Amino acid sequence: MSSDAKDVRTILVRAGREMARNDGSRTVEAEHVLLALAAMADNPAARLLAEAGLTEDTIRAALDREWERSLAVAGIAVRAEQLPEATPDHSHDPGIGESVRLLLKRALDAEPKVGGTRIGSVRILAGLLDTDRGRVARALQAAGVDRVALRDRVAEALARGAR
């Protein structure tokens, strides 16, 4: 198995087995991949996120704020800490959700096309940042992150050969 394939697998397994399960989710979604990247301090994507002020804790807080805002749009006024604790489900491995499938497609399509079809942590981060819709985009906005500027830094890292 190539190191890039191993990197992708490691990220997706961590997103599923740790992040999605702990959230009580039956599917691994883009926000779980973002959390997994931030939690893996030994990869270049985590360093780019940290430079933007995004750690696993700040991302979780931003996701909570995004959840509260989404509920408010539906007329539900509740704070994230008022919601019941998620019950981790260790009886199964969460499936891959549609948002992860889309982010992986965007990662493959991300410019620059250095390294062909190899996908590493930086290319996955590019796929996460390459949309202005969805929970990740709303959470990054809630965190006050300039998604376009971060995406530009990711593109620079890809151009330098980071994957």
N, C-alpha and C. Protein backbone atom coordinates (compact mmCIF):
# COMPACT_ATOMS: atom_id res chain seq x y z
N MET A 1 0.86 -1.17 0.00
CA MET A 1 0.00 0.00 0.00
C MET A 1 0.90 1.23 0.00
N SER A 2 0.60 2.20 -0.88
CA SER A 2 1.42 3.42 -0.94
C SER A 2 1.20 4.24 0.33
N SER A 3 2.18 5.12 0.62
CA SER A 3 2.04 5.94 1.83
C SER A 3 0.85 6.88 1.72
N ASP A 4 0.52 7.35 0.50
CA ASP A 4 -0.65 8.21 0.33
C ASP A 4 -1.93 7.45 0.62
N ALA A 5 -2.03 6.22 0.09
CA ALA A 5 -3.22 5.42 0.35
C ALA A 5 -3.34 5.13 1.83
N LYS A 6 -2.22 4.85 2.46
CA LYS A 6 -2.22 4.60 3.91
C LYS A 6 -2.67 5.85 4.65
N ASP A 7 -2.20 7.04 4.21
CA ASP A 7 -2.58 8.30 4.83
C ASP A 7 -4.09 8.51 4.74
N VAL A 8 -4.66 8.32 3.56
CA VAL A 8 -6.10 8.47 3.38
C VAL A 8 -6.85 7.49 4.26
N ARG A 9 -6.42 6.25 4.25
CA ARG A 9 -7.08 5.23 5.06
C ARG A 9 -7.00 5.58 6.54
N THR A 10 -5.82 6.00 6.99
CA THR A 10 -5.64 6.37 8.40
C THR A 10 -6.59 7.50 8.79
N ILE A 11 -6.69 8.50 7.93
CA ILE A 11 -7.56 9.65 8.20
C ILE A 11 -9.02 9.21 8.25
N LEU A 12 -9.45 8.42 7.26
CA LEU A 12 -10.85 7.99 7.22
C LEU A 12 -11.19 7.04 8.36
N VAL A 13 -10.26 6.17 8.72
CA VAL A 13 -10.50 5.27 9.86
C VAL A 13 -10.62 6.08 11.14
N ARG A 14 -9.73 7.05 11.32
CA ARG A 14 -9.81 7.88 12.54
C ARG A 14 -11.10 8.69 12.55
N ALA A 15 -11.47 9.22 11.39
CA ALA A 15 -12.73 9.98 11.31
C ALA A 15 -13.91 9.11 11.68
N GLY A 16 -13.88 7.86 11.23
CA GLY A 16 -15.00 6.96 11.51
C GLY A 16 -14.97 6.38 12.90
N ARG A 17 -13.84 5.78 13.23
CA ARG A 17 -13.77 5.03 14.49
C ARG A 17 -13.73 5.94 15.70
N GLU A 18 -13.15 7.11 15.56
CA GLU A 18 -13.07 8.00 16.72
C GLU A 18 -14.13 9.10 16.64
N MET A 19 -14.11 9.86 15.58
CA MET A 19 -14.95 11.06 15.53
C MET A 19 -16.43 10.73 15.34
N ALA A 20 -16.77 9.98 14.31
CA ALA A 20 -18.18 9.67 14.05
C ALA A 20 -18.79 8.82 15.15
N ARG A 21 -18.08 7.77 15.56
CA ARG A 21 -18.60 6.92 16.64
C ARG A 21 -18.85 7.71 17.91
N ASN A 22 -17.87 8.55 18.28
CA ASN A 22 -18.02 9.33 19.52
C ASN A 22 -19.16 10.33 19.43
N ASP A 23 -19.48 10.76 18.21
CA ASP A 23 -20.62 11.65 18.03
C ASP A 23 -21.94 10.89 17.94
N GLY A 24 -21.87 9.55 17.96
CA GLY A 24 -23.07 8.73 17.85
C GLY A 24 -23.60 8.69 16.42
N SER A 25 -22.76 9.00 15.45
CA SER A 25 -23.19 9.07 14.05
C SER A 25 -23.06 7.71 13.37
N ARG A 26 -24.01 7.39 12.53
CA ARG A 26 -23.97 6.13 11.77
C ARG A 26 -23.16 6.28 10.49
N THR A 27 -22.81 7.54 10.13
CA THR A 27 -22.02 7.77 8.94
C THR A 27 -20.86 8.73 9.24
N VAL A 28 -19.78 8.56 8.50
CA VAL A 28 -18.65 9.47 8.58
C VAL A 28 -18.94 10.60 7.62
N GLU A 29 -18.97 11.82 8.14
CA GLU A 29 -19.24 12.99 7.31
C GLU A 29 -18.03 13.90 7.27
N ALA A 30 -18.11 14.92 6.45
CA ALA A 30 -16.97 15.83 6.22
C ALA A 30 -16.46 16.43 7.53
N GLU A 31 -17.35 16.77 8.45
CA GLU A 31 -16.91 17.37 9.71
C GLU A 31 -16.05 16.40 10.52
N HIS A 32 -16.34 15.10 10.41
CA HIS A 32 -15.53 14.10 11.11
C HIS A 32 -14.13 14.02 10.51
N VAL A 33 -14.04 14.17 9.19
CA VAL A 33 -12.73 14.17 8.53
C VAL A 33 -11.94 15.41 8.95
N LEU A 34 -12.60 16.56 9.01
CA LEU A 34 -11.93 17.79 9.45
C LEU A 34 -11.40 17.61 10.88
N LEU A 35 -12.21 17.06 11.76
CA LEU A 35 -11.77 16.82 13.14
C LEU A 35 -10.59 15.84 13.18
N ALA A 36 -10.65 14.79 12.37
CA ALA A 36 -9.56 13.81 12.34
C ALA A 36 -8.27 14.46 11.86
N LEU A 37 -8.35 15.30 10.83
CA LEU A 37 -7.15 15.99 10.34
C LEU A 37 -6.54 16.85 11.44
N ALA A 38 -7.38 17.61 12.13
CA ALA A 38 -6.88 18.50 13.18
C ALA A 38 -6.27 17.71 14.34
N ALA A 39 -6.81 16.53 14.60
CA ALA A 39 -6.33 15.73 15.72
C ALA A 39 -5.02 15.01 15.43
N MET A 40 -4.66 14.92 14.16
CA MET A 40 -3.45 14.20 13.76
C MET A 40 -2.31 15.20 13.59
N ALA A 41 -1.73 15.59 14.70
CA ALA A 41 -0.74 16.67 14.71
C ALA A 41 0.49 16.41 13.86
N ASP A 42 0.69 15.18 13.44
CA ASP A 42 1.90 14.87 12.67
C ASP A 42 1.71 14.99 11.17
N ASN A 43 0.63 15.61 10.70
CA ASN A 43 0.46 15.74 9.27
C ASN A 43 0.42 17.20 8.83
N PRO A 44 0.76 17.47 7.57
CA PRO A 44 0.84 18.86 7.10
C PRO A 44 -0.51 19.58 7.14
N ALA A 45 -1.61 18.86 6.94
CA ALA A 45 -2.92 19.51 6.99
C ALA A 45 -3.21 20.04 8.40
N ALA A 46 -2.84 19.27 9.42
CA ALA A 46 -3.05 19.72 10.80
C ALA A 46 -2.25 20.99 11.08
N ARG A 47 -1.06 21.06 10.52
CA ARG A 47 -0.25 22.28 10.71
C ARG A 47 -0.90 23.47 10.03
N LEU A 48 -1.44 23.28 8.82
CA LEU A 48 -2.14 24.38 8.14
C LEU A 48 -3.37 24.82 8.93
N LEU A 49 -4.10 23.86 9.46
CA LEU A 49 -5.27 24.19 10.28
C LEU A 49 -4.86 24.95 11.54
N ALA A 50 -3.80 24.48 12.20
CA ALA A 50 -3.33 25.15 13.42
C ALA A 50 -2.89 26.58 13.12
N GLU A 51 -2.23 26.80 11.98
CA GLU A 51 -1.82 28.15 11.60
C GLU A 51 -3.03 29.07 11.42
N ALA A 52 -4.17 28.49 11.06
CA ALA A 52 -5.41 29.26 10.91
C ALA A 52 -6.18 29.34 12.23
N GLY A 53 -5.59 28.80 13.31
CA GLY A 53 -6.24 28.85 14.62
C GLY A 53 -7.23 27.73 14.85
N LEU A 54 -7.15 26.68 14.04
CA LEU A 54 -8.10 25.57 14.14
C LEU A 54 -7.45 24.34 14.74
N THR A 55 -7.89 24.00 15.93
CA THR A 55 -7.50 22.77 16.60
C THR A 55 -8.75 21.90 16.68
N GLU A 56 -8.60 20.69 17.16
CA GLU A 56 -9.77 19.84 17.33
C GLU A 56 -10.80 20.53 18.24
N ASP A 57 -10.35 21.16 19.31
CA ASP A 57 -11.27 21.83 20.24
C ASP A 57 -11.97 23.03 19.60
N THR A 58 -11.23 23.87 18.87
CA THR A 58 -11.87 25.04 18.25
C THR A 58 -12.83 24.61 17.15
N ILE A 59 -12.51 23.53 16.45
CA ILE A 59 -13.43 23.03 15.42
C ILE A 59 -14.69 22.49 16.07
N ARG A 60 -14.55 21.73 17.15
CA ARG A 60 -15.74 21.22 17.86
C ARG A 60 -16.62 22.36 18.34
N ALA A 61 -16.00 23.41 18.89
CA ALA A 61 -16.78 24.57 19.35
C ALA A 61 -17.49 25.24 18.18
N ALA A 62 -16.81 25.35 17.05
CA ALA A 62 -17.43 25.96 15.86
C ALA A 62 -18.57 25.09 15.34
N LEU A 63 -18.39 23.77 15.37
CA LEU A 63 -19.47 22.87 14.95
C LEU A 63 -20.67 23.00 15.88
N ASP A 64 -20.43 23.17 17.18
CA ASP A 64 -21.53 23.39 18.13
C ASP A 64 -22.28 24.68 17.80
N ARG A 65 -21.52 25.76 17.53
CA ARG A 65 -22.16 27.04 17.17
C ARG A 65 -22.95 26.90 15.88
N GLU A 66 -22.40 26.16 14.91
CA GLU A 66 -23.11 25.94 13.65
C GLU A 66 -24.40 25.17 13.90
N TRP A 67 -24.35 24.16 14.76
CA TRP A 67 -25.53 23.36 15.08
C TRP A 67 -26.61 24.24 15.74
N GLU A 68 -26.18 25.09 16.67
CA GLU A 68 -27.12 25.99 17.34
C GLU A 68 -27.78 26.92 16.32
N ARG A 69 -27.00 27.47 15.41
CA ARG A 69 -27.55 28.38 14.37
C ARG A 69 -28.50 27.63 13.45
N SER A 70 -28.15 26.41 13.07
CA SER A 70 -29.02 25.63 12.19
C SER A 70 -30.35 25.33 12.88
N LEU A 71 -30.30 24.98 14.15
CA LEU A 71 -31.53 24.74 14.89
C LEU A 71 -32.35 26.03 15.02
N ALA A 72 -31.68 27.16 15.21
CA ALA A 72 -32.39 28.44 15.34
C ALA A 72 -33.15 28.77 14.06
N VAL A 73 -32.58 28.43 12.90
CA VAL A 73 -33.27 28.66 11.63
C VAL A 73 -34.57 27.87 11.58
N ALA A 74 -34.56 26.71 12.22
CA ALA A 74 -35.76 25.87 12.27
C ALA A 74 -36.69 26.28 13.42
N GLY A 75 -36.33 27.36 14.13
CA GLY A 75 -37.17 27.85 15.21
C GLY A 75 -36.92 27.17 16.54
N ILE A 76 -35.80 26.49 16.67
CA ILE A 76 -35.48 25.78 17.91
C ILE A 76 -34.34 26.52 18.60
N ALA A 77 -34.62 27.05 19.77
CA ALA A 77 -33.60 27.78 20.52
C ALA A 77 -33.03 26.86 21.59
N VAL A 78 -31.84 26.36 21.32
CA VAL A 78 -31.19 25.46 22.27
C VAL A 78 -29.68 25.64 22.13
N ARG A 79 -28.99 25.51 23.22
CA ARG A 79 -27.53 25.59 23.21
C ARG A 79 -27.00 24.16 23.14
N ALA A 80 -25.85 24.00 22.49
CA ALA A 80 -25.28 22.67 22.28
C ALA A 80 -25.10 21.92 23.60
N GLU A 81 -24.71 22.64 24.65
CA GLU A 81 -24.49 21.95 25.93
C GLU A 81 -25.79 21.49 26.58
N GLN A 82 -26.95 21.96 26.09
CA GLN A 82 -28.24 21.52 26.61
C GLN A 82 -28.70 20.22 25.95
N LEU A 83 -28.10 19.88 24.83
CA LEU A 83 -28.49 18.66 24.14
C LEU A 83 -27.96 17.45 24.89
N PRO A 84 -28.64 16.33 24.79
CA PRO A 84 -28.14 15.12 25.48
C PRO A 84 -26.79 14.70 24.91
N GLU A 85 -25.98 14.12 25.76
CA GLU A 85 -24.67 13.62 25.33
C GLU A 85 -24.88 12.54 24.27
N ALA A 86 -24.03 12.60 23.24
CA ALA A 86 -24.06 11.53 22.23
C ALA A 86 -23.59 10.24 22.88
N THR A 87 -24.22 9.17 22.51
CA THR A 87 -23.83 7.87 23.02
C THR A 87 -22.96 7.19 21.96
N PRO A 88 -21.67 7.04 22.24
CA PRO A 88 -20.81 6.37 21.26
C PRO A 88 -21.34 4.98 20.95
N ASP A 89 -21.35 4.65 19.65
CA ASP A 89 -21.84 3.35 19.21
C ASP A 89 -20.66 2.55 18.68
N HIS A 90 -20.20 1.60 19.48
CA HIS A 90 -19.05 0.78 19.09
C HIS A 90 -19.47 -0.56 18.50
N SER A 91 -20.76 -0.71 18.21
CA SER A 91 -21.25 -1.98 17.69
C SER A 91 -21.04 -2.13 16.18
N HIS A 92 -20.68 -1.04 15.52
CA HIS A 92 -20.48 -1.10 14.06
C HIS A 92 -19.51 0.00 13.64
N ASP A 93 -18.97 -0.16 12.45
CA ASP A 93 -18.17 0.91 11.86
C ASP A 93 -19.11 1.79 11.06
N PRO A 94 -19.06 3.10 11.31
CA PRO A 94 -19.92 4.00 10.54
C PRO A 94 -19.60 3.92 9.05
N GLY A 95 -20.62 4.04 8.22
CA GLY A 95 -20.43 4.04 6.77
C GLY A 95 -19.93 5.40 6.30
N ILE A 96 -19.47 5.45 5.08
CA ILE A 96 -18.99 6.70 4.49
C ILE A 96 -20.20 7.49 3.98
N GLY A 97 -20.35 8.71 4.47
CA GLY A 97 -21.46 9.55 4.08
C GLY A 97 -21.21 10.27 2.77
N GLU A 98 -22.26 10.84 2.24
CA GLU A 98 -22.19 11.53 0.95
C GLU A 98 -21.23 12.71 0.99
N SER A 99 -21.16 13.42 2.10
CA SER A 99 -20.26 14.58 2.15
C SER A 99 -18.80 14.15 2.05
N VAL A 100 -18.46 12.95 2.52
CA VAL A 100 -17.08 12.45 2.40
C VAL A 100 -16.82 12.04 0.95
N ARG A 101 -17.79 11.41 0.33
CA ARG A 101 -17.62 11.05 -1.09
C ARG A 101 -17.36 12.30 -1.93
N LEU A 102 -18.13 13.34 -1.66
CA LEU A 102 -17.95 14.59 -2.41
C LEU A 102 -16.60 15.25 -2.12
N LEU A 103 -16.18 15.24 -0.85
CA LEU A 103 -14.90 15.87 -0.53
C LEU A 103 -13.75 15.10 -1.17
N LEU A 104 -13.84 13.78 -1.25
CA LEU A 104 -12.79 13.00 -1.90
C LEU A 104 -12.74 13.28 -3.40
N LYS A 105 -13.91 13.46 -4.03
CA LYS A 105 -13.93 13.84 -5.45
C LYS A 105 -13.29 15.21 -5.64
N ARG A 106 -13.66 16.16 -4.77
CA ARG A 106 -13.07 17.51 -4.86
C ARG A 106 -11.57 17.45 -4.59
N ALA A 107 -11.14 16.57 -3.68
CA ALA A 107 -9.71 16.43 -3.39
C ALA A 107 -8.96 15.97 -4.63
N LEU A 108 -9.53 15.00 -5.34
CA LEU A 108 -8.90 14.52 -6.57
C LEU A 108 -8.83 15.61 -7.63
N ASP A 109 -9.85 16.46 -7.67
CA ASP A 109 -9.92 17.52 -8.67
C ASP A 109 -9.16 18.78 -8.28
N ALA A 110 -8.68 18.85 -7.04
CA ALA A 110 -8.05 20.08 -6.53
C ALA A 110 -6.82 20.46 -7.34
N GLU A 111 -6.72 21.76 -7.57
CA GLU A 111 -5.55 22.32 -8.24
C GLU A 111 -4.55 22.75 -7.18
N PRO A 112 -3.27 22.71 -7.43
CA PRO A 112 -2.66 22.17 -8.65
C PRO A 112 -2.67 20.65 -8.63
N LYS A 113 -2.60 20.07 -9.80
CA LYS A 113 -2.67 18.62 -9.97
C LYS A 113 -1.31 17.95 -9.77
N VAL A 114 -0.55 18.42 -8.82
CA VAL A 114 0.75 17.83 -8.51
C VAL A 114 0.52 16.46 -7.89
N GLY A 115 1.28 15.48 -8.34
CA GLY A 115 1.19 14.15 -7.74
C GLY A 115 0.10 13.28 -8.32
N GLY A 116 -0.52 13.71 -9.42
CA GLY A 116 -1.53 12.89 -10.08
C GLY A 116 -2.74 12.66 -9.20
N THR A 117 -3.11 11.40 -9.05
CA THR A 117 -4.33 11.08 -8.30
C THR A 117 -4.05 10.69 -6.86
N ARG A 118 -2.86 10.95 -6.40
CA ARG A 118 -2.53 10.62 -5.00
C ARG A 118 -3.22 11.60 -4.07
N ILE A 119 -3.77 11.05 -3.00
CA ILE A 119 -4.48 11.89 -2.04
C ILE A 119 -3.82 11.74 -0.68
N GLY A 120 -3.34 12.85 -0.15
CA GLY A 120 -2.80 12.89 1.20
C GLY A 120 -3.61 13.88 2.02
N SER A 121 -3.14 14.19 3.19
CA SER A 121 -3.90 15.04 4.12
C SER A 121 -4.15 16.44 3.57
N VAL A 122 -3.17 17.03 2.88
CA VAL A 122 -3.36 18.39 2.35
C VAL A 122 -4.38 18.39 1.23
N ARG A 123 -4.33 17.38 0.36
CA ARG A 123 -5.31 17.29 -0.72
C ARG A 123 -6.72 17.04 -0.14
N ILE A 124 -6.81 16.27 0.93
CA ILE A 124 -8.11 16.07 1.59
C ILE A 124 -8.60 17.41 2.16
N LEU A 125 -7.70 18.17 2.77
CA LEU A 125 -8.08 19.48 3.29
C LEU A 125 -8.55 20.38 2.15
N ALA A 126 -7.88 20.31 1.00
CA ALA A 126 -8.33 21.09 -0.16
C ALA A 126 -9.76 20.71 -0.54
N GLY A 127 -10.06 19.42 -0.52
CA GLY A 127 -11.41 18.97 -0.82
C GLY A 127 -12.44 19.47 0.18
N LEU A 128 -12.05 19.54 1.44
CA LEU A 128 -12.94 20.06 2.47
C LEU A 128 -13.23 21.55 2.27
N LEU A 129 -12.22 22.28 1.83
CA LEU A 129 -12.35 23.73 1.71
C LEU A 129 -12.93 24.18 0.37
N ASP A 130 -13.08 23.25 -0.55
CA ASP A 130 -13.46 23.60 -1.91
C ASP A 130 -14.97 23.70 -2.12
N THR A 131 -15.68 24.07 -1.09
CA THR A 131 -17.11 24.32 -1.23
C THR A 131 -17.52 25.39 -0.22
N ASP A 132 -18.50 26.16 -0.61
CA ASP A 132 -19.00 27.18 0.32
C ASP A 132 -20.33 26.75 0.93
N ARG A 133 -20.67 25.48 0.74
CA ARG A 133 -21.91 24.93 1.29
C ARG A 133 -21.58 23.82 2.28
N GLY A 134 -22.54 23.54 3.13
CA GLY A 134 -22.41 22.41 4.03
C GLY A 134 -21.95 22.80 5.42
N ARG A 135 -21.93 21.80 6.26
CA ARG A 135 -21.64 22.01 7.68
C ARG A 135 -20.23 22.51 7.92
N VAL A 136 -19.24 21.98 7.19
CA VAL A 136 -17.86 22.42 7.39
C VAL A 136 -17.71 23.89 7.04
N ALA A 137 -18.25 24.30 5.90
CA ALA A 137 -18.15 25.71 5.49
C ALA A 137 -18.82 26.62 6.52
N ARG A 138 -19.99 26.22 7.01
CA ARG A 138 -20.68 27.03 8.01
C ARG A 138 -19.92 27.07 9.33
N ALA A 139 -19.32 25.95 9.73
CA ALA A 139 -18.54 25.91 10.98
C ALA A 139 -17.29 26.78 10.86
N LEU A 140 -16.62 26.73 9.71
CA LEU A 140 -15.43 27.57 9.53
C LEU A 140 -15.82 29.04 9.58
N GLN A 141 -16.97 29.37 9.02
CA GLN A 141 -17.46 30.75 9.11
C GLN A 141 -17.74 31.11 10.57
N ALA A 142 -18.37 30.20 11.30
CA ALA A 142 -18.65 30.43 12.72
C ALA A 142 -17.37 30.62 13.52
N ALA A 143 -16.28 29.97 13.08
CA ALA A 143 -14.99 30.10 13.77
C ALA A 143 -14.24 31.36 13.35
N GLY A 144 -14.79 32.08 12.37
CA GLY A 144 -14.15 33.31 11.91
C GLY A 144 -12.96 33.06 11.00
N VAL A 145 -12.91 31.89 10.38
CA VAL A 145 -11.80 31.54 9.50
C VAL A 145 -12.10 32.05 8.09
N ASP A 146 -11.08 32.64 7.47
CA ASP A 146 -11.17 33.04 6.08
C ASP A 146 -10.90 31.79 5.25
N ARG A 147 -11.97 31.11 4.84
CA ARG A 147 -11.85 29.85 4.13
C ARG A 147 -11.08 30.00 2.82
N VAL A 148 -11.28 31.11 2.12
CA VAL A 148 -10.59 31.34 0.85
C VAL A 148 -9.09 31.50 1.08
N ALA A 149 -8.71 32.25 2.11
CA ALA A 149 -7.29 32.44 2.41
C ALA A 149 -6.65 31.11 2.83
N LEU A 150 -7.37 30.33 3.63
CA LEU A 150 -6.85 29.02 4.03
C LEU A 150 -6.72 28.13 2.80
N ARG A 151 -7.70 28.17 1.91
CA ARG A 151 -7.64 27.37 0.68
C ARG A 151 -6.44 27.78 -0.17
N ASP A 152 -6.13 29.08 -0.21
CA ASP A 152 -4.96 29.55 -0.94
C ASP A 152 -3.67 28.99 -0.34
N ARG A 153 -3.59 28.96 0.99
CA ARG A 153 -2.40 28.39 1.65
C ARG A 153 -2.29 26.89 1.37
N VAL A 154 -3.43 26.21 1.29
CA VAL A 154 -3.43 24.79 0.96
C VAL A 154 -2.95 24.58 -0.48
N ALA A 155 -3.40 25.43 -1.40
CA ALA A 155 -2.96 25.34 -2.80
C ALA A 155 -1.46 25.57 -2.91
N GLU A 156 -0.94 26.52 -2.13
CA GLU A 156 0.51 26.76 -2.11
C GLU A 156 1.26 25.52 -1.60
N ALA A 157 0.73 24.89 -0.57
CA ALA A 157 1.36 23.69 -0.03
C ALA A 157 1.34 22.57 -1.07
N LEU A 158 0.23 22.44 -1.80
CA LEU A 158 0.16 21.43 -2.85
C LEU A 158 1.18 21.72 -3.95
N ALA A 159 1.32 23.00 -4.30
CA ALA A 159 2.28 23.38 -5.33
C ALA A 159 3.71 23.06 -4.90
N ARG A 160 3.97 23.12 -3.60
CA ARG A 160 5.31 22.80 -3.07
C ARG A 160 5.52 21.29 -2.97
N GLY A 161 4.49 20.53 -3.29
CA GLY A 161 4.64 19.08 -3.28
C GLY A 161 4.02 18.37 -2.10
N ALA A 162 3.39 19.10 -1.20
CA ALA A 162 2.69 18.45 -0.08
C ALA A 162 1.48 17.71 -0.64
N ARG A 163 1.15 16.63 -0.01
CA ARG A 163 -0.03 15.88 -0.47
C ARG A 163 -1.04 15.85 0.64
